[in-house]
Amino acid sequence: MRLLIFGLGYTAKHLAARLEPHGWAVEATGSDGTLDFGDADAVRFSLGKADAVLSSVPPDRQSGTDPVLTAYGSDLAKFGGWTGYLSSTGVYGDADGAWVDETAPIGTGRRSARSEADRVWLGLGARVFRLPGIYGPGRSALDRVREGRANRIDIPGQVFSRVHVRDIAEGVALALKQRAPRGAYNLSDDLPCPQNDVIEEACRLLGVAPPPLQTLEEADLSPMARGFYAENRRVANIKAKRVLEWQPAYPTYREGLAACLAADLAADLGSGLAAGDSASLSDRGLGG
C-alpha cells in the first residue's frame, strides 16, 4: 500500500513511523520529505500510484487559501483512493466551555480559512480529522517549562482539549485500515481542562515551582497566543471511538506528559550512550 502525504511535519512523521513497519510505502512533500511540492509532474506521478492521500498542510497565513487544494485540487477531485485531511477543532470557534461534536457548526471562530479548507476537503470525500492542541515528545508543556516559556493565565472557567501525537497517528491508521466512512472525526483526549492544570503537572514532574499566575494582559502574549485564550470548549471524541474503534493510549494529559518525560529521558540516555561509545572508540584509536 502506498500513502502520499502532503506536508511531512511533526504529526505526519509519527503517522509514517506508525505505518511503515506494517508494509506501507510513504512518499511525502516537505523539507524532510521525498518530493518537491512544486514539482507537479513528480507529485502527480506519485498521486497516480497512491492508494491513499493525507494532507497536513494548513491554510497559507497570508492568502488564507489551502496550498494543496490550490495546486492539486483538480487532481484530488479525480483521485479514487482514500483521502484524509488533518484539520483543527478551532473550526468550532468559542463554545463558552460547552461540549462540541462533529455535528456542531463550524466557521464561527477566528479560524475562517481553516474552516473553509475543512469544508472543501469534506466535499472531496475526505476523512477530516479535527485536532485540538497537539503535544508529544519534544513538543509539550515539559519543554515550555524547561525553556521558561510556560504561562499560567488567570481565566476562571476556561478549558481546552488536547491530544497526544501518537494517538493521532493511531486514529488515522485505524481509519486507513478500516476504510472508515467519509466525514469528520474529532481526535481528542478524555479530559478537557484548564491549561494551568497541564503546566502545573509538567512542573510537578520536573520538580520545579510553577510560574506565577498572571492576567492575560500581564502575560504579554503574542496575538496568536492571545487568540488561543479567546476560545473555550470541550471536544467530544465519541464518534472516533465508536466508528474507528479508537481508544486514546493517553486519555488525559497526566499519562501523556508522563510518557513524554519517559521518552525524553530515553532519548537523553541514548545520546549519552552514543557519546560514550564514540569516546570509547576514539580512546582506542578507532573513532572516525
Protein backbone atom coordinates (compact mmCIF):
# COMPACT_ATOMS: atom_id res chain seq x y z
CA MET A 1 0.00 0.00 0.00
CA ARG A 2 1.22 3.47 -0.88
CA LEU A 3 0.50 6.70 1.02
CA LEU A 4 1.22 10.19 -0.27
CA ILE A 5 1.48 12.79 2.48
CA PHE A 6 1.34 16.49 1.75
CA GLY A 7 3.42 18.12 4.47
CA LEU A 8 5.71 15.79 6.41
CA GLY A 9 5.60 17.73 9.68
CA TYR A 10 5.59 16.70 13.32
CA THR A 11 2.30 14.79 13.28
CA ALA A 12 2.69 13.28 9.81
CA LYS A 13 6.12 11.91 10.74
CA HIS A 14 4.55 10.00 13.61
CA LEU A 15 1.92 8.62 11.25
CA ALA A 16 4.58 7.49 8.75
CA ALA A 17 6.51 5.80 11.58
CA ARG A 18 3.30 4.06 12.64
CA LEU A 19 2.51 2.77 9.13
CA GLU A 20 5.86 1.87 7.57
CA PRO A 21 6.51 -1.21 9.78
CA HIS A 22 3.15 -2.55 8.56
CA GLY A 23 4.08 -2.50 4.90
CA TRP A 24 3.10 1.00 3.87
CA ALA A 25 5.37 2.83 1.43
CA VAL A 26 5.23 6.54 2.27
CA GLU A 27 6.12 9.42 -0.02
CA ALA A 28 5.80 12.98 1.19
CA THR A 29 6.32 16.62 0.41
CA GLY A 30 8.02 18.95 2.87
CA SER A 31 11.58 19.73 3.87
CA ASP A 32 12.02 16.21 5.27
CA GLY A 33 10.01 14.51 2.55
CA THR A 34 10.87 12.75 -0.68
CA LEU A 35 9.01 15.04 -3.10
CA ASP A 36 9.27 18.70 -4.05
CA PHE A 37 5.77 20.18 -3.63
CA GLY A 38 6.38 22.47 -6.60
CA ASP A 39 7.38 19.62 -8.92
CA ALA A 40 3.90 19.00 -10.28
CA ASP A 41 4.93 16.14 -12.55
CA ALA A 42 6.58 14.22 -9.71
CA VAL A 43 3.69 14.87 -7.33
CA ARG A 44 1.08 13.79 -9.89
CA PHE A 45 3.11 10.68 -10.71
CA SER A 46 3.17 9.78 -7.00
CA LEU A 47 -0.54 10.54 -6.71
CA GLY A 48 -1.21 8.20 -9.61
CA LYS A 49 0.48 5.34 -7.75
CA ALA A 50 -1.00 6.10 -4.32
CA ASP A 51 -3.69 4.10 -2.57
CA ALA A 52 -4.23 6.89 -0.05
CA VAL A 53 -3.50 10.60 0.32
CA LEU A 54 -3.27 12.66 3.51
CA SER A 55 -2.73 16.40 3.78
CA SER A 56 -1.39 18.00 6.94
CA VAL A 57 -0.79 21.39 5.28
CA PRO A 58 -2.64 24.30 6.94
CA PRO A 59 -4.01 27.28 5.01
CA ASP A 60 -1.47 29.90 3.99
CA ARG A 61 -1.36 32.67 6.59
CA GLN A 62 -1.12 35.44 4.02
CA SER A 63 -3.67 34.39 1.41
CA GLY A 64 -5.87 32.18 3.58
CA THR A 65 -6.01 29.55 0.84
CA ASP A 66 -5.09 25.88 1.12
CA PRO A 67 -1.86 25.36 -0.87
CA VAL A 68 -2.63 21.71 -1.60
CA LEU A 69 -6.14 22.44 -2.87
CA THR A 70 -4.86 25.37 -4.92
CA ALA A 71 -2.11 23.34 -6.62
CA TYR A 72 -3.65 19.87 -6.80
CA GLY A 73 -7.37 20.23 -6.03
CA SER A 74 -8.46 19.15 -9.52
CA ASP A 75 -6.24 16.06 -9.31
CA LEU A 76 -7.60 15.18 -5.87
CA ALA A 77 -11.17 15.55 -7.14
CA LYS A 78 -10.43 12.70 -9.58
CA PHE A 79 -8.48 10.59 -7.08
CA GLY A 80 -10.24 7.31 -6.42
CA GLY A 81 -8.44 6.23 -3.27
CA TRP A 82 -8.67 7.04 0.42
CA THR A 83 -8.29 10.74 1.24
CA GLY A 84 -7.59 12.35 4.61
CA TYR A 85 -7.02 15.84 5.97
CA LEU A 86 -5.66 16.99 9.33
CA SER A 87 -7.86 19.89 10.41
CA SER A 88 -8.34 21.71 13.72
CA THR A 89 -11.02 21.84 16.38
CA GLY A 90 -10.53 25.59 16.08
CA VAL A 91 -13.14 25.41 13.30
CA TYR A 92 -15.81 25.17 16.04
CA GLY A 93 -14.99 28.59 17.46
CA ASP A 94 -15.90 29.55 21.02
CA ALA A 95 -18.48 27.30 22.71
CA ASP A 96 -18.33 29.01 26.13
CA GLY A 97 -16.99 25.80 27.66
CA ALA A 98 -19.69 23.53 26.22
CA TRP A 99 -19.05 20.17 24.56
CA VAL A 100 -18.83 20.13 20.75
CA ASP A 101 -19.00 17.10 18.47
CA GLU A 102 -18.81 16.69 14.70
CA THR A 103 -22.39 17.95 14.27
CA ALA A 104 -21.55 21.37 15.74
CA PRO A 105 -21.46 24.28 13.27
CA ILE A 106 -18.06 25.36 12.01
CA GLY A 107 -16.75 28.67 10.74
CA THR A 108 -17.92 30.74 13.71
CA GLY A 109 -14.48 31.43 15.18
CA ARG A 110 -11.20 33.06 14.22
CA ARG A 111 -10.11 30.12 12.02
CA SER A 112 -12.20 31.06 8.98
CA ALA A 113 -9.56 29.91 6.48
CA ARG A 114 -9.21 26.56 8.25
CA SER A 115 -13.00 26.19 8.31
CA GLU A 116 -13.22 26.78 4.58
CA ALA A 117 -10.46 24.25 3.87
CA ASP A 118 -12.23 21.80 6.19
CA ARG A 119 -15.45 22.20 4.15
CA VAL A 120 -13.71 21.73 0.82
CA TRP A 121 -11.90 18.58 1.94
CA LEU A 122 -15.19 17.18 3.21
CA GLY A 123 -16.66 17.98 -0.20
CA LEU A 124 -13.90 15.93 -1.80
CA GLY A 125 -14.93 12.94 0.29
CA ALA A 126 -12.05 13.11 2.77
CA ARG A 127 -11.84 11.79 6.30
CA VAL A 128 -11.27 15.08 8.12
CA PHE A 129 -9.53 14.67 11.48
CA ARG A 130 -10.25 17.68 13.69
CA LEU A 131 -7.43 18.02 16.20
CA PRO A 132 -7.15 20.13 19.37
CA GLY A 133 -3.82 21.12 20.94
CA ILE A 134 -1.23 18.60 19.75
CA TYR A 135 1.58 17.57 22.08
CA GLY A 136 4.15 14.80 22.29
CA PRO A 137 7.87 14.12 22.77
CA GLY A 138 9.86 17.29 22.18
CA ARG A 139 6.70 19.41 21.96
CA SER A 140 4.86 19.51 25.25
CA ALA A 141 4.34 21.58 28.38
CA LEU A 142 7.52 19.97 29.71
CA ASP A 143 9.53 21.73 27.02
CA ARG A 144 7.83 25.07 27.66
CA VAL A 145 8.59 24.81 31.37
CA ARG A 146 12.24 23.88 30.74
CA GLU A 147 12.65 26.77 28.31
CA GLY A 148 10.95 29.32 30.55
CA ARG A 149 8.07 29.83 28.11
CA ALA A 150 5.27 28.41 30.26
CA ASN A 151 2.47 30.70 31.43
CA ARG A 152 -0.32 30.32 33.95
CA ILE A 153 -3.13 32.65 32.95
CA ASP A 154 -5.91 33.52 35.38
CA ILE A 155 -9.08 32.96 33.32
CA PRO A 156 -11.62 31.16 35.56
CA GLY A 157 -13.75 28.55 33.83
CA GLN A 158 -11.65 28.30 30.67
CA VAL A 159 -10.90 24.79 29.40
CA PHE A 160 -9.19 23.26 26.39
CA SER A 161 -8.90 19.82 24.83
CA ARG A 162 -5.65 18.29 23.64
CA VAL A 163 -4.34 15.08 22.09
CA HIS A 164 -1.05 13.18 22.13
CA VAL A 165 0.56 12.93 18.69
CA ARG A 166 0.77 9.13 18.88
CA ASP A 167 -2.97 8.93 19.49
CA ILE A 168 -3.50 10.95 16.32
CA ALA A 169 -1.30 8.54 14.37
CA GLU A 170 -3.27 5.61 15.73
CA GLY A 171 -6.61 7.20 14.85
CA VAL A 172 -5.58 7.90 11.27
CA ALA A 173 -4.06 4.42 10.95
CA LEU A 174 -7.34 2.86 12.09
CA ALA A 175 -9.28 4.98 9.60
CA LEU A 176 -6.98 3.72 6.85
CA LYS A 177 -7.15 0.10 7.94
CA GLN A 178 -10.93 0.09 8.20
CA ARG A 179 -11.58 2.26 5.15
CA ALA A 180 -13.59 4.44 7.52
CA PRO A 181 -16.63 6.30 6.21
CA ARG A 182 -16.03 9.76 4.84
CA GLY A 183 -16.66 12.67 7.16
CA ALA A 184 -15.29 14.48 10.18
CA TYR A 185 -13.72 12.83 13.24
CA ASN A 186 -12.63 14.56 16.44
CA LEU A 187 -9.45 13.02 17.84
CA SER A 188 -9.11 14.40 21.36
CA ASP A 189 -8.33 13.10 24.83
CA ASP A 190 -10.95 12.38 27.51
CA LEU A 191 -10.18 15.23 29.90
CA PRO A 192 -10.61 18.82 28.71
CA CYS A 193 -9.14 21.05 31.40
CA PRO A 194 -7.57 24.44 32.08
CA GLN A 195 -4.14 24.95 30.56
CA ASN A 196 -2.90 25.81 34.04
CA ASP A 197 -3.52 22.21 35.17
CA VAL A 198 -1.22 20.95 32.42
CA ILE A 199 1.55 23.43 33.26
CA GLU A 200 1.32 22.57 36.95
CA GLU A 201 1.57 18.84 36.21
CA ALA A 202 4.61 19.43 33.99
CA CYS A 203 6.25 21.40 36.82
CA ARG A 204 5.46 18.61 39.29
CA LEU A 205 7.07 16.01 37.01
CA LEU A 206 10.15 18.19 36.59
CA GLY A 207 10.36 19.09 40.27
CA VAL A 208 10.18 22.85 39.75
CA ALA A 209 7.89 25.59 41.02
CA PRO A 210 5.05 26.63 38.72
CA PRO A 211 5.30 30.03 37.04
CA PRO A 212 3.34 32.85 38.70
CA LEU A 213 -0.34 33.27 37.96
CA GLN A 214 -0.88 36.24 35.63
CA THR A 215 -3.66 38.10 33.95
CA LEU A 216 -3.84 37.93 30.18
CA GLU A 217 -2.53 41.49 29.99
CA GLU A 218 0.39 40.80 32.33
CA ALA A 219 1.46 37.77 30.28
CA ASP A 220 2.12 39.99 27.23
CA LEU A 221 1.34 37.20 24.79
CA SER A 222 1.58 37.35 21.01
CA PRO A 223 -1.66 37.98 19.09
CA MET A 224 -1.71 34.31 18.06
CA ALA A 225 -1.30 33.14 21.66
CA ARG A 226 -3.97 35.56 22.86
CA GLY A 227 -6.31 34.12 20.24
CA PHE A 228 -5.79 30.70 21.81
CA TYR A 229 -7.28 32.02 25.06
CA ALA A 230 -10.20 33.69 23.25
CA GLU A 231 -11.98 30.35 22.80
CA ASN A 232 -13.35 27.93 25.36
CA ARG A 233 -14.71 24.48 24.52
CA ARG A 234 -14.69 20.78 25.32
CA VAL A 235 -14.21 18.44 22.36
CA ALA A 236 -16.15 15.15 22.31
CA ASN A 237 -14.47 12.07 20.80
CA ILE A 238 -17.38 9.59 20.91
CA LYS A 239 -17.65 9.22 17.12
CA ALA A 240 -13.99 8.24 16.70
CA LYS A 241 -14.32 5.69 19.49
CA ARG A 242 -17.50 4.23 18.01
CA VAL A 243 -16.71 4.26 14.28
CA LEU A 244 -12.93 3.80 14.30
CA GLU A 245 -12.80 1.71 17.49
CA TRP A 246 -10.18 4.21 18.62
CA GLN A 247 -9.15 4.45 22.26
CA PRO A 248 -6.51 7.02 23.19
CA ALA A 249 -3.47 5.46 24.79
CA TYR A 250 -3.09 8.76 26.68
CA PRO A 251 -6.65 9.58 27.78
CA THR A 252 -5.54 12.54 29.90
CA TYR A 253 -2.63 14.95 30.00
CA ARG A 254 -1.26 13.10 33.04
CA GLU A 255 -0.48 9.88 31.15
CA GLY A 256 0.61 11.88 28.12
CA LEU A 257 3.10 14.07 29.97
CA ALA A 258 4.49 11.08 31.87
CA ALA A 259 5.08 9.33 28.54
CA CYS A 260 6.75 12.46 27.12
CA LEU A 261 9.07 12.62 30.11
CA ALA A 262 9.96 8.94 29.74
CA ALA A 263 10.67 9.49 26.02
CA ASP A 264 12.86 12.50 26.85
CA LEU A 265 14.83 10.51 29.42
CA ALA A 266 15.26 7.60 26.99
CA ALA A 267 16.50 9.99 24.30
CA ASP A 268 18.95 11.58 26.72
CA LEU A 269 20.17 8.16 27.80
CA GLY A 270 20.58 7.09 24.18
CA SER A 271 22.54 10.25 23.38
CA GLY A 272 24.73 9.70 26.39
CA LEU A 273 25.44 6.09 25.45
CA ALA A 274 26.20 7.09 21.87
CA ALA A 275 28.59 9.78 23.07
CA GLY A 276 30.20 7.28 25.40
CA ASP A 277 30.60 4.75 22.61
CA SER A 278 32.21 7.37 20.39
CA ALA A 279 34.57 8.43 23.15
CA SER A 280 35.49 4.79 23.80
CA LEU A 281 36.23 4.22 20.12
CA SER A 282 38.27 7.38 19.97
CA ASP A 283 40.29 6.33 23.01
CA ARG A 284 41.16 3.11 21.21
CA GLY A 285 42.07 4.93 18.02
CA LEU A 286 39.00 3.61 16.22
CA GLY A 287 36.94 6.80 16.03
CA GLY A 288 36.10 8.48 12.75
